[in-house]
Protein backbone atom coordinates (compact mmCIF):
# COMPACT_ATOMS: atom_id res chain seq x y z
CA MET A 1 125.12 82.04 126.84
CA ALA A 2 123.79 82.23 123.57
CA LEU A 3 120.95 84.18 124.79
CA LEU A 4 123.73 86.65 125.28
CA THR A 5 125.05 86.04 121.97
CA ILE A 6 121.86 86.72 120.31
CA LEU A 7 121.26 90.10 122.36
CA PHE A 8 124.74 91.06 121.05
CA CYS A 9 123.89 90.08 117.68
CA ILE A 10 120.75 92.68 118.02
CA ILE A 11 122.49 95.07 119.36
CA LEU A 12 125.13 94.87 116.51
CA LEU A 13 122.27 94.94 113.76
CA VAL A 14 121.17 98.22 115.28
CA ILE A 15 124.41 99.70 115.36
CA LEU A 16 124.82 98.83 112.09
CA VAL A 17 121.65 100.00 110.49
CA SER A 18 121.28 103.22 112.58
CA TRP A 19 124.54 104.72 113.49
CA ALA A 20 126.92 103.34 110.74
CA LYS A 21 124.14 103.65 108.06
CA VAL A 22 125.29 100.51 106.78
CA ASN A 23 122.85 98.72 104.04
CA PRO A 24 120.40 96.66 106.01
CA PHE A 25 120.94 93.67 103.86
CA LEU A 26 124.60 94.32 104.46
CA ALA A 27 123.86 94.30 107.91
CA PHE A 28 121.94 91.09 107.90
CA LEU A 29 124.88 89.55 106.48
CA ILE A 30 127.25 90.28 108.75
CA VAL A 31 125.47 89.86 112.02
CA SER A 32 124.35 86.46 110.45
CA ILE A 33 128.22 85.35 109.83
CA ALA A 34 129.02 86.84 113.24
CA ALA A 35 126.13 84.90 115.12
CA GLY A 36 127.13 81.48 113.25
CA LEU A 37 130.57 81.94 114.47
CA LEU A 38 129.79 82.97 118.27
CA LEU A 39 127.07 80.18 118.06
CA GLY A 40 129.83 77.60 117.56
CA ILE A 41 128.64 76.53 113.82
CA PRO A 42 131.54 74.95 112.41
CA LEU A 43 133.51 77.89 110.03
CA ASP A 44 132.76 75.39 106.35
CA LYS A 45 129.01 75.30 107.28
CA ILE A 46 128.37 79.06 108.10
CA THR A 47 128.11 79.94 104.18
CA GLY A 48 125.93 76.97 103.57
CA SER A 49 123.50 77.92 106.45
CA VAL A 50 123.42 81.96 105.24
CA GLN A 51 122.52 80.60 101.71
CA LYS A 52 120.27 77.91 102.39
CA GLY A 53 118.37 81.01 104.82
CA LEU A 54 118.65 82.96 101.49
CA GLY A 55 116.84 80.98 99.16
CA GLU A 56 114.29 79.05 101.59
CA THR A 57 113.30 82.68 102.20
CA LEU A 58 113.13 84.09 98.85
CA LYS A 59 111.86 80.99 97.22
CA SER A 60 108.48 81.25 98.96
CA ILE A 61 107.63 85.04 98.77
CA THR A 62 109.82 86.52 95.46
CA ILE A 63 106.53 85.87 93.34
CA ILE A 64 103.91 87.44 95.43
CA ILE A 65 105.89 90.56 96.73
CA CYS A 66 106.87 91.02 92.66
CA LEU A 67 103.59 90.72 91.45
CA GLY A 68 102.32 92.56 94.16
CA ALA A 69 104.57 95.73 93.53
CA MET A 70 103.65 95.56 89.69
CA LEU A 71 99.90 95.54 90.49
CA GLY A 72 100.22 98.66 92.80
CA LYS A 73 102.45 100.52 89.95
CA LEU A 74 99.61 99.72 87.61
CA VAL A 75 96.79 100.88 89.69
CA ALA A 76 98.98 104.25 90.42
CA GLU A 77 100.20 104.74 87.30
CA SER A 78 96.93 104.01 85.06
CA GLY A 79 95.01 106.82 87.56
CA ALA A 80 92.68 103.69 89.29
CA ALA A 81 93.93 105.06 92.56
CA GLN A 82 92.70 109.04 91.88
CA LYS A 83 89.66 107.60 90.43
CA ILE A 84 89.11 105.64 93.79
CA ALA A 85 89.52 108.62 95.69
CA ASP A 86 87.37 110.89 93.79
CA VAL A 87 84.35 108.52 93.88
CA LEU A 88 84.52 108.33 98.04
CA VAL A 89 85.42 111.90 98.19
CA ASN A 90 82.42 113.03 96.37
CA ALA A 91 80.19 110.12 98.26
CA PHE A 92 81.12 111.15 101.75
CA GLY A 93 81.12 115.39 101.12
CA VAL A 94 83.24 117.41 103.14
CA LYS A 95 81.73 116.79 106.16
CA HIS A 96 83.05 113.21 106.92
CA ILE A 97 86.32 113.80 104.45
CA GLN A 98 88.23 112.15 107.13
CA TRP A 99 86.06 108.91 106.45
CA ALA A 100 86.33 109.16 102.49
CA LEU A 101 90.31 109.46 103.08
CA LEU A 102 90.64 106.83 105.29
CA ILE A 103 88.79 104.10 102.82
CA VAL A 104 90.92 105.63 99.96
CA GLY A 105 94.03 104.53 102.01
CA PHE A 106 93.00 101.37 102.93
CA ILE A 107 91.94 100.62 99.44
CA ILE A 108 95.07 101.98 97.84
CA GLY A 109 97.01 100.60 101.11
CA ILE A 110 96.63 96.76 99.87
CA PRO A 111 98.14 96.64 96.65
CA LEU A 112 100.51 99.27 97.20
CA PHE A 113 103.79 99.31 99.53
CA TYR A 114 103.86 101.97 101.97
CA ASN A 115 106.51 104.32 100.63
CA THR A 116 104.72 104.17 97.13
CA GLY A 117 101.21 104.60 98.79
CA PHE A 118 102.67 107.62 101.02
CA VAL A 119 104.08 109.30 98.19
CA LEU A 120 100.65 108.97 96.00
CA VAL A 121 98.15 109.75 98.92
CA VAL A 122 99.91 112.63 100.16
CA PRO A 123 99.69 115.14 97.47
CA LEU A 124 95.75 113.83 97.45
CA ILE A 125 95.55 114.89 101.22
CA PHE A 126 97.14 118.16 100.37
CA SER A 127 94.87 119.16 97.32
CA VAL A 128 91.60 118.42 99.76
CA THR A 129 92.97 120.53 102.59
CA TYR A 130 94.21 123.49 100.23
CA LYS A 131 90.84 123.06 98.12
CA TYR A 132 88.66 122.82 101.64
CA LYS A 133 90.84 125.14 103.88
CA LEU A 134 90.94 122.01 106.37
CA PRO A 135 93.46 121.58 108.77
CA ALA A 136 96.18 119.30 107.04
CA VAL A 137 97.32 117.00 110.01
CA TYR A 138 93.84 116.38 111.39
CA THR A 139 92.50 115.65 108.04
CA GLY A 140 94.98 113.45 106.62
CA LEU A 141 96.18 111.25 109.78
CA PRO A 142 93.45 108.96 109.34
CA MET A 143 94.18 108.02 105.78
CA LEU A 144 97.91 107.27 106.49
CA ALA A 145 97.03 105.28 109.80
CA ALA A 146 95.16 102.89 107.01
CA LEU A 147 98.38 103.01 105.02
CA SER A 148 100.19 101.70 108.01
CA VAL A 149 97.42 99.05 108.90
CA THR A 150 97.70 97.59 105.57
CA HIS A 151 101.88 97.27 105.58
CA GLY A 152 102.01 96.13 108.72
CA PHE A 153 98.65 93.39 109.04
CA LEU A 154 97.53 92.51 105.30
CA PRO A 155 99.43 90.43 102.51
CA PRO A 156 100.78 90.92 100.16
CA HIS A 157 102.98 93.33 101.75
CA PRO A 158 106.63 92.25 102.45
CA GLY A 159 106.36 91.92 106.15
CA PRO A 160 103.31 89.78 106.55
CA SER A 161 103.89 87.78 103.81
CA ALA A 162 107.12 86.66 104.77
CA LEU A 163 106.19 86.13 108.73
CA ILE A 164 103.40 83.79 106.98
CA VAL A 165 106.05 81.87 105.35
CA ILE A 166 108.40 81.74 108.33
CA PHE A 167 105.68 80.55 110.34
CA HIS A 168 103.90 78.15 108.25
CA ALA A 169 100.61 80.13 108.33
CA ASN A 170 97.75 80.20 106.25
CA MET A 171 97.66 83.58 104.15
CA GLY A 172 93.92 83.39 103.43
CA ILE A 173 93.40 83.01 107.17
CA THR A 174 95.80 85.37 108.22
CA LEU A 175 94.16 87.95 105.69
CA ILE A 176 90.64 87.44 107.00
CA TYR A 177 91.95 87.98 110.79
CA GLY A 178 93.92 90.99 109.81
CA PHE A 179 90.99 92.71 108.48
CA MET A 180 88.94 92.17 111.48
CA LEU A 181 92.13 93.83 113.24
CA ALA A 182 92.47 96.58 110.73
CA ILE A 183 89.09 97.93 111.01
CA PRO A 184 88.82 98.87 114.69
CA ALA A 185 92.91 99.64 114.10
CA VAL A 186 92.12 102.57 111.55
CA ILE A 187 89.21 103.75 113.11
CA LEU A 188 90.73 104.29 116.90
CA ALA A 189 94.34 105.51 115.33
CA GLY A 190 92.63 107.69 112.35
CA PRO A 191 89.50 109.63 112.84
CA ILE A 192 89.17 109.12 116.61
CA PHE A 193 93.36 109.89 117.37
CA ALA A 194 92.98 112.97 114.86
CA LEU A 195 90.69 114.95 117.16
CA THR A 196 93.29 115.60 119.63
CA LEU A 197 95.48 117.00 116.61
CA LYS A 198 93.17 119.57 115.19
CA ASN A 199 95.44 122.64 116.26
CA ILE A 200 98.62 121.28 115.22
CA PRO A 201 99.86 124.32 112.52
CA SER A 202 100.84 122.43 109.16
CA HIS A 203 101.64 124.33 106.07
CA PRO A 204 102.32 121.69 103.52
CA LEU A 205 104.28 122.74 100.77
CA GLU A 206 102.65 123.63 97.56
CA THR A 207 105.53 121.20 95.48
CA PHE A 208 103.64 118.17 96.66
CA VAL A 209 100.23 118.99 95.64
CA ALA A 210 99.27 116.12 92.97
CA LYS A 211 98.98 116.99 89.25
CA GLU A 212 95.48 115.37 88.44
CA VAL A 213 95.16 113.13 85.35
CA PRO A 214 92.34 114.56 83.13
CA ALA A 215 89.09 113.05 84.24
CA GLU A 216 88.30 111.42 80.69
CA LYS A 217 91.58 109.58 80.91
CA LEU A 218 90.83 107.71 84.19
CA PRO A 219 89.46 104.18 84.46
CA GLY A 220 86.17 103.56 85.34
CA ALA A 221 85.29 103.42 89.18
CA ALA A 222 83.78 100.22 88.96
CA ASN A 223 87.17 99.01 87.04
CA SER A 224 89.38 100.86 89.56
CA PHE A 225 88.01 99.57 92.51
CA LEU A 226 87.56 95.85 91.41
CA THR A 227 91.15 95.40 89.82
CA ALA A 228 92.65 97.23 92.85
CA LEU A 229 90.90 94.47 95.43
CA LEU A 230 91.13 91.50 93.35
CA PRO A 231 93.81 89.92 95.44
CA VAL A 232 91.70 90.57 98.39
CA ILE A 233 88.53 88.94 96.86
CA LEU A 234 89.91 86.22 95.66
CA LEU A 235 92.13 85.33 98.51
CA MET A 236 88.93 85.64 101.02
CA ALA A 237 86.80 84.05 98.76
CA THR A 238 88.59 80.96 98.02
CA THR A 239 89.62 80.74 101.70
CA ILE A 240 86.09 80.51 102.70
CA TYR A 241 85.36 77.96 100.04
CA LEU A 242 87.69 75.75 101.31
CA ASN A 243 86.72 75.89 104.62
CA LEU A 244 83.54 75.08 104.17
CA ASP A 245 83.75 72.22 101.61
CA HIS A 246 86.60 69.72 102.65
CA SER A 247 85.61 67.49 99.52
CA THR A 248 88.84 66.18 97.79
CA GLY A 249 86.98 66.42 94.42
CA THR A 250 88.07 68.36 91.01
CA THR A 251 86.29 71.61 92.32
CA HIS A 252 88.27 71.83 95.38
CA THR A 253 91.21 70.96 93.57
CA VAL A 254 90.94 73.84 91.04
CA ILE A 255 89.98 76.09 93.87
CA ALA A 256 92.54 75.54 96.25
CA PHE A 257 95.08 75.81 93.25
CA ILE A 258 93.20 79.51 92.08
CA GLY A 259 93.50 80.41 96.10
CA ASP A 260 97.08 79.63 96.20
CA ALA A 261 98.78 83.37 96.80
CA PRO A 262 101.10 83.28 93.98
CA ILE A 263 98.59 82.30 91.53
CA VAL A 264 96.02 84.92 92.91
CA MET A 265 98.57 87.76 92.46
CA LEU A 266 99.32 86.34 88.99
CA ILE A 267 95.78 86.62 88.03
CA SER A 268 95.14 89.80 89.11
CA ILE A 269 98.30 91.21 87.29
CA LEU A 270 97.17 89.53 83.87
CA VAL A 271 93.41 91.19 85.02
CA ALA A 272 95.27 94.50 85.41
CA THR A 273 97.21 94.45 82.60
CA TYR A 274 94.19 94.20 80.40
CA THR A 275 91.54 96.47 82.72
CA LEU A 276 93.97 99.17 83.62
CA GLY A 277 96.76 98.80 81.00
CA VAL A 278 95.42 97.33 77.25
CA LYS A 279 91.87 98.80 77.96
CA GLN A 280 92.85 102.11 78.71
CA GLY A 281 95.32 102.34 75.28
CA GLN A 282 98.46 101.56 76.75
CA SER A 283 100.80 99.62 75.03
CA ILE A 284 102.15 96.14 76.20
CA LYS A 285 105.48 97.80 76.03
CA HIS A 286 104.42 100.60 78.55
CA ILE A 287 103.05 98.28 80.74
CA SER A 288 106.00 96.26 80.71
CA ASP A 289 108.19 99.07 81.71
CA ILE A 290 105.60 99.94 84.36
CA CYS A 291 106.05 96.56 85.90
CA GLY A 292 109.69 96.65 85.52
CA ASP A 293 110.25 99.91 87.46
CA ALA A 294 107.97 98.35 90.05
CA VAL A 295 110.61 95.36 90.70
CA LYS A 296 113.67 98.10 90.87
CA ASP A 297 111.40 99.65 93.47
CA ILE A 298 111.26 96.73 95.69
CA SER A 299 114.29 95.07 95.07
CA LEU A 300 116.07 96.22 98.32
CA ILE A 301 112.95 95.12 100.19
CA LEU A 302 113.33 91.60 98.70
CA LEU A 303 117.11 91.57 99.87
CA ILE A 304 116.33 92.79 103.02
CA ILE A 305 113.90 89.83 103.79
CA ALA A 306 116.11 87.26 102.48
CA GLY A 307 118.99 88.70 104.99
CA SER A 308 116.73 88.10 107.54
CA GLY A 309 115.97 84.72 106.52
CA ALA A 310 119.93 83.89 106.69
CA PHE A 311 120.08 85.13 110.15
CA LYS A 312 116.97 83.07 111.11
CA GLN A 313 118.29 79.98 109.67
CA VAL A 314 121.91 80.01 110.91
CA LEU A 315 119.91 80.45 114.57
CA THR A 316 118.38 77.16 113.55
CA ASP A 317 121.05 75.56 112.42
CA SER A 318 122.99 76.43 115.88
CA GLY A 319 120.32 74.74 117.71
CA VAL A 320 119.42 78.40 119.59
CA ASN A 321 115.88 78.39 118.87
CA LYS A 322 115.48 75.42 120.92
CA GLN A 323 117.16 77.26 123.73
CA ILE A 324 114.92 79.97 123.33
CA THR A 325 111.62 77.75 123.43
CA ASP A 326 112.48 76.04 126.42
CA LEU A 327 113.22 79.42 128.38
CA PHE A 328 109.90 80.62 127.09
CA GLN A 329 108.17 77.53 128.25
CA THR A 330 109.29 78.46 131.67
CA LEU A 331 108.32 81.84 131.79
CA ASN A 332 104.64 82.64 132.61
CA LEU A 333 104.47 85.29 129.34
CA GLN A 334 101.95 84.68 126.62
CA PRO A 335 103.65 83.77 123.65
CA LEU A 336 101.64 86.24 121.42
CA VAL A 337 102.67 89.13 124.06
CA MET A 338 106.31 88.01 123.80
CA GLY A 339 106.26 88.49 119.74
CA TRP A 340 104.44 91.73 119.80
CA LEU A 341 106.96 92.70 122.40
CA MET A 342 110.08 91.56 120.76
CA ALA A 343 108.81 93.07 117.28
CA ALA A 344 108.35 96.32 119.49
CA ILE A 345 111.85 96.82 120.70
CA ILE A 346 113.52 95.92 117.41
CA ARG A 347 111.20 98.51 115.81
CA ILE A 348 111.87 101.35 118.20
CA SER A 349 115.79 100.53 118.17
CA LEU A 350 116.22 99.92 114.54
CA GLY A 351 113.02 102.10 112.93
CA SER A 352 112.50 99.23 109.98
CA ALA A 353 109.14 97.70 110.64
CA THR A 354 110.11 95.13 107.95
CA VAL A 355 113.14 94.22 109.96
CA ALA A 356 111.98 94.21 113.04
CA GLY A 357 108.73 91.88 112.12
CA LEU A 358 111.76 89.60 110.18
CA THR A 359 114.18 89.72 113.24
CA ALA A 360 111.31 88.72 116.07
CA ALA A 361 110.36 86.23 113.58
CA GLY A 362 113.64 84.52 113.20
CA ILE A 363 114.26 84.24 116.85
CA LEU A 364 110.88 82.80 117.33
CA SER A 365 110.20 80.88 114.68
CA SER A 366 111.13 77.32 116.31
CA MET A 367 108.89 77.76 118.97
CA VAL A 368 105.81 78.88 116.86
CA ILE A 369 106.39 75.97 114.79
CA HIS A 370 107.20 73.33 117.33
CA ASP A 371 104.25 74.35 119.97
CA HIS A 372 101.20 73.44 118.28
CA THR A 373 98.86 75.61 120.99
CA ILE A 374 100.32 79.16 119.24
CA ASN A 375 98.11 79.77 116.61
CA PRO A 376 100.90 81.09 113.61
CA ASN A 377 97.90 83.22 111.77
CA LEU A 378 97.64 85.33 115.04
CA MET A 379 101.64 85.09 115.56
CA VAL A 380 102.18 86.86 112.25
CA LEU A 381 99.71 89.75 113.00
CA SER A 382 100.99 90.06 116.58
CA ILE A 383 104.58 90.53 115.28
CA GLY A 384 103.14 92.86 112.65
CA ALA A 385 101.42 94.96 114.90
CA GLY A 386 104.61 95.22 117.35
CA SER A 387 106.52 96.05 114.24
CA LEU A 388 104.62 99.53 113.95
CA ALA A 389 105.31 100.78 117.26
CA PHE A 390 106.59 104.09 118.08
CA SER A 391 108.16 104.91 115.04
CA HIS A 392 110.52 108.02 115.62
CA VAL A 393 113.59 109.36 114.45
CA ASN A 394 115.42 106.51 113.23
CA ASP A 395 112.30 105.60 110.82
CA GLY A 396 112.15 106.85 107.23
CA GLY A 397 108.44 107.38 107.42
CA PHE A 398 108.72 109.81 110.56
CA TRP A 399 110.62 112.12 108.00
CA LEU A 400 108.51 111.90 105.32
CA PHE A 401 105.50 112.55 107.22
CA LYS A 402 107.66 115.15 109.06
CA GLU A 403 108.89 117.24 105.65
CA TYR A 404 106.15 116.61 103.70
CA PHE A 405 103.53 118.02 106.30
CA ASN A 406 106.27 120.97 107.09
CA LEU A 407 106.27 119.87 110.81
CA SER A 408 108.22 120.44 113.90
CA ILE A 409 109.69 117.29 115.36
CA LYS A 410 107.48 117.91 118.73
CA ASP A 411 104.51 117.98 116.68
CA THR A 412 105.43 114.70 114.35
CA ILE A 413 106.10 112.77 117.58
CA ARG A 414 102.73 114.01 118.77
CA SER A 415 100.73 112.84 115.71
CA TRP A 416 102.81 110.21 113.86
CA SER A 417 104.49 108.83 116.30
CA LEU A 418 101.71 108.15 118.48
CA MET A 419 99.21 107.19 115.76
CA GLU A 420 101.64 104.22 115.03
CA THR A 421 101.71 103.14 118.31
CA VAL A 422 97.91 103.46 118.87
CA VAL A 423 97.77 101.02 115.58
CA SER A 424 100.26 99.06 117.79
CA VAL A 425 98.61 98.42 120.77
CA VAL A 426 95.17 98.31 119.11
CA GLY A 427 96.48 95.35 117.27
CA LEU A 428 97.52 93.50 119.94
CA GLY A 429 94.71 94.02 121.92
CA GLY A 430 92.99 92.24 118.77
CA VAL A 431 95.01 89.53 118.53
CA LEU A 432 94.86 88.46 122.44
CA VAL A 433 90.66 88.81 121.49
CA LEU A 434 91.19 86.58 118.93
CA ASN A 435 93.20 84.08 120.45
CA MET A 436 90.41 83.82 123.19
CA ILE A 437 87.66 82.67 120.24
CA VAL A 438 89.60 80.76 117.61
């Protein structure tokens, strides 16, 4: 009966978000309260469960996501992203321009949230395709595949960051594993898959061609690369050090403090404030305005994540998570596959990768936390991969791609939807391979 109740709640969530067009945060609140009532939580305890879930989720990731948004906005507004693109396109040449754009998308995608990254890189793609008279979909899809992979696999993006908190995973280790999965995923879903798309007719609107920042106003190449990649450099370096050095001395403690994700993001935004702001002649007030706008851009994402935390807490407080854990232990199904499959089903139904990942995580969290044979870092990546499966007409990213590239729905499915599915399946395959090794 409890499993049927969860199924009903997920269907209700799908209907509210997809058909009724209810704000996802409100939908999560409605579904959480409904789940509490149906699962037998006392009426005077339901609000407490919802509030606890909201607070527990937000307290762990708000700093990471907000500072990540500020860093991404500074990278975009300062011209650092444009400088990174210019350097790589010049280095690779027209013949290998796909690979240059792929690397640009990957580097830009690490600090930038998906929608911001999309709006930033698509005009760059169009500028290149107009300049060199290249097929737009064939040329640009690898760059968008890289953006998608960073969105689904790598912190500090909202989905992976929230999953790390839910499963008590390690952000540094998850990031390292995520990079190991990301490389084959972007290559197969990008340049290799794009070989099948050369003949797709696309006539991007000239309105979307970017107005470039004058070269003399751009930050330097080293500055742009190092500032954009600083969170990754710090997280990976400190994680490697801490896994090699198991002492308890002062140095170890200091490195552990520096490697804590909120501190990494704080250091990164302070460095970017100087290197991409003050050093480029920007006033502190202007930089503060950019940071303020960045937080406005991701406020709804934070609320959606908080809503998913409320749903998870209601399931936990009702005891139904334990029932799900017991059920899965009787099934001969790999938990990582189950996580991927559940996220994929919700993603295809709802459209939102973030909501799909968080909903699946809320249902499976108890099993992962209490079953020590399941690697929580790999479960983060498995669900992240599943949350990217087959984007279609109920996903905003689908329509962004269709309208910007001026494609038919058939060609959008043939290119965008299949690219997302390739990323998802390759991600699952990589997770299962890693699970046999680590």
